[in-house]
PDB file of N, CA and C in Angstrom:
ATOM      1  N   VAL A   1      66.212  -4.699  95.924  1.00  0.00           N
ATOM      2  CA  VAL A   1      66.795  -4.012  94.770  1.00  0.00           C
ATOM      3  C   VAL A   1      66.307  -2.568  94.755  1.00  0.00           C
ATOM      4  N   ALA A   2      67.239  -1.648  94.677  1.00  0.00           N
ATOM      5  CA  ALA A   2      66.881  -0.230  94.655  1.00  0.00           C
ATOM      6  C   ALA A   2      66.502   0.195  93.240  1.00  0.00           C
ATOM      7  N   ALA A   3      65.407   0.900  93.152  1.00  0.00           N
ATOM      8  CA  ALA A   3      64.987   1.426  91.852  1.00  0.00           C
ATOM      9  C   ALA A   3      65.927   2.548  91.433  1.00  0.00           C
ATOM     10  N   PRO A   4      66.208   2.668  90.121  1.00  0.00           N
ATOM     11  CA  PRO A   4      66.980   3.819  89.654  1.00  0.00           C
ATOM     12  C   PRO A   4      66.223   5.098  90.013  1.00  0.00           C
ATOM     13  N   VAL A   5      66.961   6.091  90.481  1.00  0.00           N
ATOM     14  CA  VAL A   5      66.338   7.339  90.926  1.00  0.00           C
ATOM     15  C   VAL A   5      66.613   8.426  89.890  1.00  0.00           C
ATOM     16  N   LEU A   6      65.533   9.028  89.389  1.00  0.00           N
ATOM     17  CA  LEU A   6      65.656  10.124  88.429  1.00  0.00           C
ATOM     18  C   LEU A   6      65.604  11.448  89.163  1.00  0.00           C
ATOM     19  N   ALA A   7      66.445  12.387  88.738  1.00  0.00           N
ATOM     20  CA  ALA A   7      66.459  13.731  89.318  1.00  0.00           C
ATOM     21  C   ALA A   7      66.768  14.723  88.213  1.00  0.00           C
ATOM     22  N   THR A   8      66.452  15.992  88.466  1.00  0.00           N
ATOM     23  CA  THR A   8      66.773  17.032  87.485  1.00  0.00           C
ATOM     24  C   THR A   8      67.043  18.342  88.195  1.00  0.00           C
ATOM     25  N   LYS A   9      67.894  19.142  87.568  1.00  0.00           N
ATOM     26  CA  LYS A   9      68.114  20.515  88.028  1.00  0.00           C
ATOM     27  C   LYS A   9      67.409  21.473  87.065  1.00  0.00           C
ATOM     28  N   SER A  10      66.785  20.915  86.030  1.00  0.00           N
ATOM     29  CA  SER A  10      66.109  21.741  85.027  1.00  0.00           C
ATOM     30  C   SER A  10      64.879  22.402  85.638  1.00  0.00           C
ATOM     31  N   THR A  11      64.653  23.645  85.254  1.00  0.00           N
ATOM     32  CA  THR A  11      63.490  24.391  85.706  1.00  0.00           C
ATOM     33  C   THR A  11      62.709  24.828  84.478  1.00  0.00           C
ATOM     34  N   ILE A  12      61.399  24.687  84.547  1.00  0.00           N
ATOM     35  CA  ILE A  12      60.551  25.166  83.449  1.00  0.00           C
ATOM     36  C   ILE A  12      59.603  26.201  84.025  1.00  0.00           C
ATOM     37  N   ILE A  13      59.557  27.353  83.380  1.00  0.00           N
ATOM     38  CA  ILE A  13      58.683  28.452  83.786  1.00  0.00           C
ATOM     39  C   ILE A  13      57.585  28.585  82.740  1.00  0.00           C
ATOM     40  N   GLU A  14      56.370  28.936  83.193  1.00  0.00           N
ATOM     41  CA  GLU A  14      55.291  29.093  82.208  1.00  0.00           C
ATOM     42  C   GLU A  14      55.720  30.089  81.137  1.00  0.00           C
ATOM     43  N   GLN A  15      55.280  29.850  79.927  1.00  0.00           N
ATOM     44  CA  GLN A  15      55.623  30.611  78.731  1.00  0.00           C
ATOM     45  C   GLN A  15      56.976  30.227  78.144  1.00  0.00           C
ATOM     46  N   ASP A  16      57.742  29.322  78.797  1.00  0.00           N
ATOM     47  CA  ASP A  16      58.964  28.815  78.165  1.00  0.00           C
ATOM     48  C   ASP A  16      58.557  28.111  76.875  1.00  0.00           C
ATOM     49  N   VAL A  17      59.311  28.341  75.801  1.00  0.00           N
ATOM     50  CA  VAL A  17      59.011  27.726  74.509  1.00  0.00           C
ATOM     51  C   VAL A  17      60.006  26.595  74.261  1.00  0.00           C
ATOM     52  N   ASN A  18      59.479  25.424  73.944  1.00  0.00           N
ATOM     53  CA  ASN A  18      60.299  24.241  73.648  1.00  0.00           C
ATOM     54  C   ASN A  18      61.341  23.963  74.734  1.00  0.00           C
ATOM     55  N   PRO A  19      60.923  23.882  76.001  1.00  0.00           N
ATOM     56  CA  PRO A  19      61.913  23.674  77.066  1.00  0.00           C
ATOM     57  C   PRO A  19      62.568  22.294  76.999  1.00  0.00           C
ATOM     58  N   THR A  20      63.778  22.218  77.545  1.00  0.00           N
ATOM     59  CA  THR A  20      64.564  20.993  77.597  1.00  0.00           C
ATOM     60  C   THR A  20      64.714  20.574  79.052  1.00  0.00           C
ATOM     61  N   ILE A  21      64.657  19.274  79.289  1.00  0.00           N
ATOM     62  CA  ILE A  21      64.827  18.728  80.631  1.00  0.00           C
ATOM     63  C   ILE A  21      66.031  17.787  80.592  1.00  0.00           C
ATOM     64  N   VAL A  22      66.996  18.021  81.475  1.00  0.00           N
ATOM     65  CA  VAL A  22      68.124  17.109  81.600  1.00  0.00           C
ATOM     66  C   VAL A  22      67.890  16.279  82.850  1.00  0.00           C
ATOM     67  N   ILE A  23      67.907  14.954  82.674  1.00  0.00           N
ATOM     68  CA  ILE A  23      67.631  14.026  83.769  1.00  0.00           C
ATOM     69  C   ILE A  23      68.910  13.304  84.142  1.00  0.00           C
ATOM     70  N   GLU A  24      69.151  13.224  85.444  1.00  0.00           N
ATOM     71  CA  GLU A  24      70.287  12.451  85.941  1.00  0.00           C
ATOM     72  C   GLU A  24      69.745  11.220  86.657  1.00  0.00           C
ATOM     73  N   VAL A  25      70.478  10.112  86.539  1.00  0.00           N
ATOM     74  CA  VAL A  25      70.064   8.881  87.225  1.00  0.00           C
ATOM     75  C   VAL A  25      71.133   8.480  88.235  1.00  0.00           C
ATOM     76  N   THR A  26      70.677   7.984  89.377  1.00  0.00           N
ATOM     77  CA  THR A  26      71.582   7.352  90.335  1.00  0.00           C
ATOM     78  C   THR A  26      71.073   5.938  90.559  1.00  0.00           C
ATOM     79  N   LYS A  27      71.923   5.091  91.057  1.00  0.00           N
ATOM     80  CA  LYS A  27      71.619   3.681  91.335  1.00  0.00           C
ATOM     81  C   LYS A  27      71.493   2.833  90.062  1.00  0.00           C
ATOM     82  N   ASN A  28      71.954   3.340  88.915  1.00  0.00           N
ATOM     83  CA  ASN A  28      71.998   2.573  87.676  1.00  0.00           C
ATOM     84  C   ASN A  28      72.635   3.446  86.602  1.00  0.00           C
ATOM     85  N   THR A  29      72.769   2.931  85.391  1.00  0.00           N
ATOM     86  CA  THR A  29      73.252   3.725  84.264  1.00  0.00           C
ATOM     87  C   THR A  29      72.346   3.463  83.068  1.00  0.00           C
ATOM     88  N   PHE A  30      72.293   4.449  82.157  1.00  0.00           N
ATOM     89  CA  PHE A  30      71.429   4.335  80.984  1.00  0.00           C
ATOM     90  C   PHE A  30      72.074   3.442  79.922  1.00  0.00           C
ATOM     91  N   ALA A  31      71.276   2.585  79.323  1.00  0.00           N
ATOM     92  CA  ALA A  31      71.738   1.712  78.237  1.00  0.00           C
ATOM     93  C   ALA A  31      71.936   2.531  76.964  1.00  0.00           C
ATOM     94  N   ASP A  32      72.789   2.006  76.067  1.00  0.00           N
ATOM     95  CA  ASP A  32      73.152   2.780  74.884  1.00  0.00           C
ATOM     96  C   ASP A  32      71.995   3.155  73.979  1.00  0.00           C
ATOM     97  N   THR A  33      71.292   2.203  73.408  1.00  0.00           N
ATOM     98  CA  THR A  33      70.266   2.570  72.426  1.00  0.00           C
ATOM     99  C   THR A  33      68.865   2.510  73.026  1.00  0.00           C
ATOM    100  N   LEU A  34      68.631   1.552  73.918  1.00  0.00           N
ATOM    101  CA  LEU A  34      67.280   1.394  74.460  1.00  0.00           C
ATOM    102  C   LEU A  34      66.823   2.605  75.262  1.00  0.00           C
ATOM    103  N   SER A  35      67.780   3.324  75.859  1.00  0.00           N
ATOM    104  CA  SER A  35      67.403   4.485  76.676  1.00  0.00           C
ATOM    105  C   SER A  35      66.874   5.630  75.818  1.00  0.00           C
ATOM    106  N   GLU A  36      67.183   5.624  74.523  1.00  0.00           N
ATOM    107  CA  GLU A  36      66.703   6.690  73.635  1.00  0.00           C
ATOM    108  C   GLU A  36      65.404   6.313  72.919  1.00  0.00           C
ATOM    109  N   ASP A  37      64.882   5.139  73.213  1.00  0.00           N
ATOM    110  CA  ASP A  37      63.638   4.665  72.602  1.00  0.00           C
ATOM    111  C   ASP A  37      62.453   5.205  73.410  1.00  0.00           C
ATOM    112  N   VAL A  38      61.627   6.028  72.782  1.00  0.00           N
ATOM    113  CA  VAL A  38      60.508   6.658  73.504  1.00  0.00           C
ATOM    114  C   VAL A  38      59.559   5.625  74.107  1.00  0.00           C
ATOM    115  N   ASP A  39      59.541   4.418  73.538  1.00  0.00           N
ATOM    116  CA  ASP A  39      58.650   3.382  74.073  1.00  0.00           C
ATOM    117  C   ASP A  39      59.102   2.884  75.451  1.00  0.00           C
ATOM    118  N   ASN A  40      60.333   3.196  75.826  1.00  0.00           N
ATOM    119  CA  ASN A  40      60.855   2.775  77.125  1.00  0.00           C
ATOM    120  C   ASN A  40      60.695   3.849  78.203  1.00  0.00           C
ATOM    121  N   TRP A  41      59.940   4.867  77.889  1.00  0.00           N
ATOM    122  CA  TRP A  41      59.674   5.960  78.829  1.00  0.00           C
ATOM    123  C   TRP A  41      58.168   6.171  78.941  1.00  0.00           C
ATOM    124  N   ILE A  42      57.729   6.553  80.121  1.00  0.00           N
ATOM    125  CA  ILE A  42      56.350   7.010  80.289  1.00  0.00           C
ATOM    126  C   ILE A  42      56.454   8.462  80.748  1.00  0.00           C
ATOM    127  N   ILE A  43      56.024   9.357  79.876  1.00  0.00           N
ATOM    128  CA  ILE A  43      56.108  10.781  80.170  1.00  0.00           C
ATOM    129  C   ILE A  43      54.711  11.362  80.070  1.00  0.00           C
ATOM    130  N   ASP A  44      54.244  11.888  81.185  1.00  0.00           N
ATOM    131  CA  ASP A  44      52.913  12.488  81.252  1.00  0.00           C
ATOM    132  C   ASP A  44      53.112  13.985  81.431  1.00  0.00           C
ATOM    133  N   PHE A  45      52.760  14.742  80.388  1.00  0.00           N
ATOM    134  CA  PHE A  45      52.945  16.189  80.447  1.00  0.00           C
ATOM    135  C   PHE A  45      51.776  16.899  81.123  1.00  0.00           C
ATOM    136  N   GLY A  46      50.771  16.147  81.561  1.00  0.00           N
ATOM    137  CA  GLY A  46      49.663  16.740  82.293  1.00  0.00           C
ATOM    138  C   GLY A  46      49.040  17.897  81.531  1.00  0.00           C
ATOM    139  N   ALA A  47      48.810  19.002  82.219  1.00  0.00           N
ATOM    140  CA  ALA A  47      48.158  20.169  81.628  1.00  0.00           C
ATOM    141  C   ALA A  47      49.160  21.192  81.097  1.00  0.00           C
ATOM    142  N   THR A  48      50.445  20.789  80.976  1.00  0.00           N
ATOM    143  CA  THR A  48      51.494  21.764  80.645  1.00  0.00           C
ATOM    144  C   THR A  48      51.492  22.229  79.193  1.00  0.00           C
ATOM    145  N   ASP A  49      50.719  21.573  78.325  1.00  0.00           N
ATOM    146  CA  ASP A  49      50.679  21.885  76.886  1.00  0.00           C
ATOM    147  C   ASP A  49      51.963  21.512  76.150  1.00  0.00           C
ATOM    148  N   LEU A  50      52.873  20.781  76.791  1.00  0.00           N
ATOM    149  CA  LEU A  50      54.103  20.382  76.123  1.00  0.00           C
ATOM    150  C   LEU A  50      53.944  18.999  75.505  1.00  0.00           C
ATOM    151  N   VAL A  51      54.739  18.735  74.466  1.00  0.00           N
ATOM    152  CA  VAL A  51      54.714  17.459  73.763  1.00  0.00           C
ATOM    153  C   VAL A  51      56.162  16.980  73.634  1.00  0.00           C
ATOM    154  N   LEU A  52      56.373  15.682  73.783  1.00  0.00           N
ATOM    155  CA  LEU A  52      57.710  15.123  73.654  1.00  0.00           C
ATOM    156  C   LEU A  52      58.242  15.327  72.240  1.00  0.00           C
ATOM    157  N   ASP A  53      59.491  15.767  72.145  1.00  0.00           N
ATOM    158  CA  ASP A  53      60.162  15.887  70.855  1.00  0.00           C
ATOM    159  C   ASP A  53      61.201  14.768  70.736  1.00  0.00           C
ATOM    160  N   THR A  54      62.294  14.840  71.518  1.00  0.00           N
ATOM    161  CA  THR A  54      63.332  13.816  71.427  1.00  0.00           C
ATOM    162  C   THR A  54      63.834  13.422  72.815  1.00  0.00           C
ATOM    163  N   ILE A  55      64.431  12.226  72.876  1.00  0.00           N
ATOM    164  CA  ILE A  55      65.131  11.756  74.072  1.00  0.00           C
ATOM    165  C   ILE A  55      66.529  11.378  73.611  1.00  0.00           C
ATOM    166  N   THR A  56      67.552  12.003  74.216  1.00  0.00           N
ATOM    167  CA  THR A  56      68.932  11.800  73.793  1.00  0.00           C
ATOM    168  C   THR A  56      69.794  11.441  74.993  1.00  0.00           C
ATOM    169  N   LYS A  57      70.622  10.424  74.820  1.00  0.00           N
ATOM    170  CA  LYS A  57      71.560  10.045  75.878  1.00  0.00           C
ATOM    171  C   LYS A  57      72.764  10.964  75.821  1.00  0.00           C
ATOM    172  N   LEU A  58      73.057  11.656  76.933  1.00  0.00           N
ATOM    173  CA  LEU A  58      74.214  12.546  77.005  1.00  0.00           C
ATOM    174  C   LEU A  58      75.424  11.824  77.595  1.00  0.00           C
ATOM    175  N   SER A  59      75.159  10.944  78.555  1.00  0.00           N
ATOM    176  CA  SER A  59      76.229  10.167  79.184  1.00  0.00           C
ATOM    177  C   SER A  59      75.583   8.955  79.843  1.00  0.00           C
ATOM    178  N   ALA A  60      76.379   8.148  80.531  1.00  0.00           N
ATOM    179  CA  ALA A  60      75.842   6.960  81.195  1.00  0.00           C
ATOM    180  C   ALA A  60      74.817   7.319  82.255  1.00  0.00           C
ATOM    181  N   THR A  61      74.882   8.560  82.758  1.00  0.00           N
ATOM    182  CA  THR A  61      73.979   8.955  83.847  1.00  0.00           C
ATOM    183  C   THR A  61      73.092  10.145  83.502  1.00  0.00           C
ATOM    184  N   GLU A  62      73.150  10.632  82.265  1.00  0.00           N
ATOM    185  CA  GLU A  62      72.336  11.802  81.895  1.00  0.00           C
ATOM    186  C   GLU A  62      71.597  11.589  80.580  1.00  0.00           C
ATOM    187  N   MET A  63      70.322  12.033  80.599  1.00  0.00           N
ATOM    188  CA  MET A  63      69.499  12.026  79.387  1.00  0.00           C
ATOM    189  C   MET A  63      68.947  13.432  79.182  1.00  0.00           C
ATOM    190  N   ARG A  64      68.749  13.798  77.912  1.00  0.00           N
ATOM    191  CA  ARG A  64      68.115  15.096  77.608  1.00  0.00           C
ATOM    192  C   ARG A  64      66.787  14.812  76.915  1.00  0.00           C
ATOM    193  N   ILE A  65      65.733  15.414  77.468  1.00  0.00           N
ATOM    194  CA  ILE A  65      64.404  15.317  76.873  1.00  0.00           C
ATOM    195  C   ILE A  65      64.056  16.696  76.328  1.00  0.00           C
ATOM    196  N   THR A  66      63.813  16.773  75.026  1.00  0.00           N
ATOM    197  CA  THR A  66      63.392  18.036  74.434  1.00  0.00           C
ATOM    198  C   THR A  66      61.896  17.977  74.172  1.00  0.00           C
ATOM    199  N   THR A  67      61.263  19.125  74.301  1.00  0.00           N
ATOM    200  CA  THR A  67      59.821  19.212  74.109  1.00  0.00           C
ATOM    201  C   THR A  67      59.502  20.286  73.080  1.00  0.00           C
ATOM    202  N   THR A  68      58.268  20.251  72.605  1.00  0.00           N
ATOM    203  CA  THR A  68      57.772  21.335  71.766  1.00  0.00           C
ATOM    204  C   THR A  68      56.522  21.881  72.433  1.00  0.00           C
ATOM    205  N   GLY A  69      56.305  23.158  72.242  1.00  0.00           N
ATOM    206  CA  GLY A  69      55.136  23.797  72.812  1.00  0.00           C
ATOM    207  C   GLY A  69      55.544  24.937  73.736  1.00  0.00           C
ATOM    208  N   THR A  70      54.534  25.652  74.205  1.00  0.00           N
ATOM    209  CA  THR A  70      54.734  26.749  75.158  1.00  0.00           C
ATOM    210  C   THR A  70      54.163  26.284  76.487  1.00  0.00           C
ATOM    211  N   ALA A  71      55.014  26.255  77.504  1.00  0.00           N
ATOM    212  CA  ALA A  71      54.640  25.681  78.794  1.00  0.00           C
ATOM    213  C   ALA A  71      53.578  26.505  79.514  1.00  0.00           C
ATOM    214  N   ILE A  72      52.617  25.789  80.114  1.00  0.00           N
ATOM    215  CA  ILE A  72      51.700  26.418  81.053  1.00  0.00           C
ATOM    216  C   ILE A  72      51.835  25.653  82.373  1.00  0.00           C
ATOM    217  N   VAL A  73      51.370  26.264  83.445  1.00  0.00           N
ATOM    218  CA  VAL A  73      51.546  25.687  84.774  1.00  0.00           C
ATOM    219  C   VAL A  73      50.918  24.298  84.847  1.00  0.00           C
ATOM    220  N   GLY A  74      51.660  23.368  85.401  1.00  0.00           N
ATOM    221  CA  GLY A  74      51.196  21.996  85.545  1.00  0.00           C
ATOM    222  C   GLY A  74      52.331  21.117  86.020  1.00  0.00           C
ATOM    223  N   THR A  75      52.087  19.819  86.048  1.00  0.00           N
ATOM    224  CA  THR A  75      53.084  18.864  86.527  1.00  0.00           C
ATOM    225  C   THR A  75      53.435  17.876  85.419  1.00  0.00           C
ATOM    226  N   ILE A  76      54.730  17.672  85.231  1.00  0.00           N
ATOM    227  CA  ILE A  76      55.235  16.672  84.289  1.00  0.00           C
ATOM    228  C   ILE A  76      55.703  15.486  85.121  1.00  0.00           C
ATOM    229  N   ARG A  77      55.303  14.292  84.734  1.00  0.00           N
ATOM    230  CA  ARG A  77      55.752  13.074  85.426  1.00  0.00           C
ATOM    231  C   ARG A  77      56.521  12.216  84.440  1.00  0.00           C
ATOM    232  N   ILE A  78      57.725  11.798  84.854  1.00  0.00           N
ATOM    233  CA  ILE A  78      58.605  11.040  83.970  1.00  0.00           C
ATOM    234  C   ILE A  78      59.016   9.745  84.663  1.00  0.00           C
ATOM    235  N   LEU A  79      58.867   8.648  83.935  1.00  0.00           N
ATOM    236  CA  LEU A  79      59.256   7.331  84.434  1.00  0.00           C
ATOM    237  C   LEU A  79      60.075   6.645  83.346  1.00  0.00           C
ATOM    238  N   ALA A  80      61.239   6.130  83.706  1.00  0.00           N
ATOM    239  CA  ALA A  80      62.052   5.356  82.774  1.00  0.00           C
ATOM    240  C   ALA A  80      61.798   3.879  83.061  1.00  0.00           C
ATOM    241  N   LEU A  81      61.342   3.150  82.046  1.00  0.00           N
ATOM    242  CA  LEU A  81      61.110   1.721  82.221  1.00  0.00           C
ATOM    243  C   LEU A  81      62.448   0.989  82.365  1.00  0.00           C
ATOM    244  N   LYS A  82      62.401  -0.193  82.930  1.00  0.00           N
ATOM    245  CA  LYS A  82      63.636  -0.917  83.253  1.00  0.00           C
ATOM    246  C   LYS A  82      64.530  -1.144  82.044  1.00  0.00           C
ATOM    247  N   ASP A  83      63.953  -1.239  80.835  1.00  0.00           N
ATOM    248  CA  ASP A  83      64.766  -1.471  79.639  1.00  0.00           C
ATOM    249  C   ASP A  83      65.703  -0.309  79.307  1.00  0.00           C
ATOM    250  N   CYS A  84      65.494   0.855  79.935  1.00  0.00           N
ATOM    251  CA  CYS A  84      66.376   2.005  79.709  1.00  0.00           C
ATOM    252  C   CYS A  84      67.747   1.818  80.352  1.00  0.00           C
ATOM    253  N   PHE A  85      67.862   0.838  81.238  1.00  0.00           N
ATOM    254  CA  PHE A  85      69.059   0.762  82.074  1.00  0.00           C
ATOM    255  C   PHE A  85      69.967  -0.410  81.731  1.00  0.00           C
ATOM    256  N   ASP A  86      71.249  -0.244  82.051  1.00  0.00           N
ATOM    257  CA  ASP A  86      72.231  -1.298  81.824  1.00  0.00           C
ATOM    258  C   ASP A  86      71.952  -2.519  82.692  1.00  0.00           C
ATOM    259  N   ALA A  87      71.400  -2.287  83.886  1.00  0.00           N
ATOM    260  CA  ALA A  87      71.021  -3.403  84.755  1.00  0.00           C
ATOM    261  C   ALA A  87      69.494  -3.389  84.873  1.00  0.00           C
ATOM    262  N   PRO A  88      68.799  -3.959  83.857  1.00  0.00           N
ATOM    263  CA  PRO A  88      67.335  -3.807  83.774  1.00  0.00           C
ATOM    264  C   PRO A  88      66.577  -4.704  84.754  1.00  0.00           C
ATOM    265  N   ILE A  89      66.482  -4.253  85.990  1.00  0.00           N
ATOM    266  CA  ILE A  89      65.796  -5.042  87.004  1.00  0.00           C
ATOM    267  C   ILE A  89      64.417  -4.459  87.315  1.00  0.00           C
ATOM    268  N   VAL A  90      64.383  -3.157  87.563  1.00  0.00           N
ATOM    269  CA  VAL A  90      63.109  -2.505  87.896  1.00  0.00           C
ATOM    270  C   VAL A  90      63.028  -1.152  87.201  1.00  0.00           C
ATOM    271  N   ASP A  91      61.794  -0.647  87.074  1.00  0.00           N
ATOM    272  CA  ASP A  91      61.585   0.695  86.525  1.00  0.00           C
ATOM    273  C   ASP A  91      62.113   1.740  87.505  1.00  0.00           C
ATOM    274  N   SER A  92      62.330   2.944  86.998  1.00  0.00           N
ATOM    275  CA  SER A  92      62.830   4.034  87.847  1.00  0.00           C
ATOM    276  C   SER A  92      61.736   4.562  88.778  1.00  0.00           C
ATOM    277  N   THR A  93      62.169   5.432  89.673  1.00  0.00           N
ATOM    278  CA  THR A  93      61.211   6.202  90.451  1.00  0.00           C
ATOM    279  C   THR A  93      60.554   7.206  89.501  1.00  0.00           C
ATOM    280  N   VAL A  94      59.441   7.786  89.909  1.00  0.00           N
ATOM    281  CA  VAL A  94      58.763   8.796  89.087  1.00  0.00           C
ATOM    282  C   VAL A  94      59.326  10.170  89.444  1.00  0.00           C
ATOM    283  N   LEU A  95      59.788  10.870  88.431  1.00  0.00           N
ATOM    284  CA  LEU A  95      60.290  12.239  88.607  1.00  0.00           C
ATOM    285  C   LEU A  95      59.143  13.191  88.298  1.00  0.00           C
ATOM    286  N   GLU A  96      58.833  14.088  89.244  1.00  0.00           N
ATOM    287  CA  GLU A  96      57.807  15.107  89.009  1.00  0.00           C
ATOM    288  C   GLU A  96      58.475  16.462  88.861  1.00  0.00           C
ATOM    289  N   ILE A  97      58.099  17.161  87.805  1.00  0.00           N
ATOM    290  CA  ILE A  97      58.623  18.506  87.552  1.00  0.00           C
ATOM    291  C   ILE A  97      57.427  19.441  87.484  1.00  0.00           C
ATOM    292  N   GLU A  98      57.443  20.461  88.320  1.00  0.00           N
ATOM    293  CA  GLU A  98      56.364  21.447  88.319  1.00  0.00           C
ATOM    294  C   GLU A  98      56.745  22.585  87.369  1.00  0.00           C
ATOM    295  N   VAL A  99      55.854  22.914  86.429  1.00  0.00           N
ATOM    296  CA  VAL A  99      56.049  24.109  85.621  1.00  0.00           C
ATOM    297  C   VAL A  99      55.634  25.288  86.498  1.00  0.00           C
ATOM    298  N   GLN A 100      56.598  26.195  86.730  1.00  0.00           N
ATOM    299  CA  GLN A 100      56.413  27.305  87.666  1.00  0.00           C
ATOM    300  C   GLN A 100      55.683  28.481  87.020  1.00  0.00           C
ATOM    301  N   GLU A 101      54.954  29.223  87.854  1.00  0.00           N
ATOM    302  CA  GLU A 101      54.373  30.476  87.374  1.00  0.00           C
ATOM    303  C   GLU A 101      55.511  31.448  87.114  1.00  0.00           C
ATOM    304  N   SER A 102      55.330  32.307  86.118  1.00  0.00           N
ATOM    305  CA  SER A 102      56.409  33.209  85.730  1.00  0.00           C
ATOM    306  C   SER A 102      56.640  34.314  86.757  1.00  0.00           C
ATOM    307  N   GLY A 103      55.662  34.602  87.584  1.00  0.00           N
ATOM    308  CA  GLY A 103      55.839  35.633  88.606  1.00  0.00           C
ATOM    309  C   GLY A 103      55.717  37.044  88.073  1.00  0.00           C
ATOM    310  N   GLU A 104      55.266  37.174  86.808  1.00  0.00           N
ATOM    311  CA  GLU A 104      55.100  38.537  86.256  1.00  0.00           C
ATOM    312  C   GLU A 104      53.800  39.134  86.719  1.00  0.00           C
TER     313      GLU A 104
END
């Protein structure tokens, strides 16, 4: 059984305020209400200084995670537990997002 794969095109740069992450899933689809339950996600913001605000289902394959705070360089790790999916067999892969230096 293939684990659902999380991916994102979202980029977070240090000093971004309240950044949003849009996550796409392949190999499964997000369930209607359970996918928006924060208890069905493991999100580790590491040293980024960000805090989870909301998780919203945009479509069967897209979720939006909003955060509060001002980003500092670090790694965010996101895992969707199996209950987030229409075919709840296994948890997703871990998505890592690096908060980039601003380059200023």
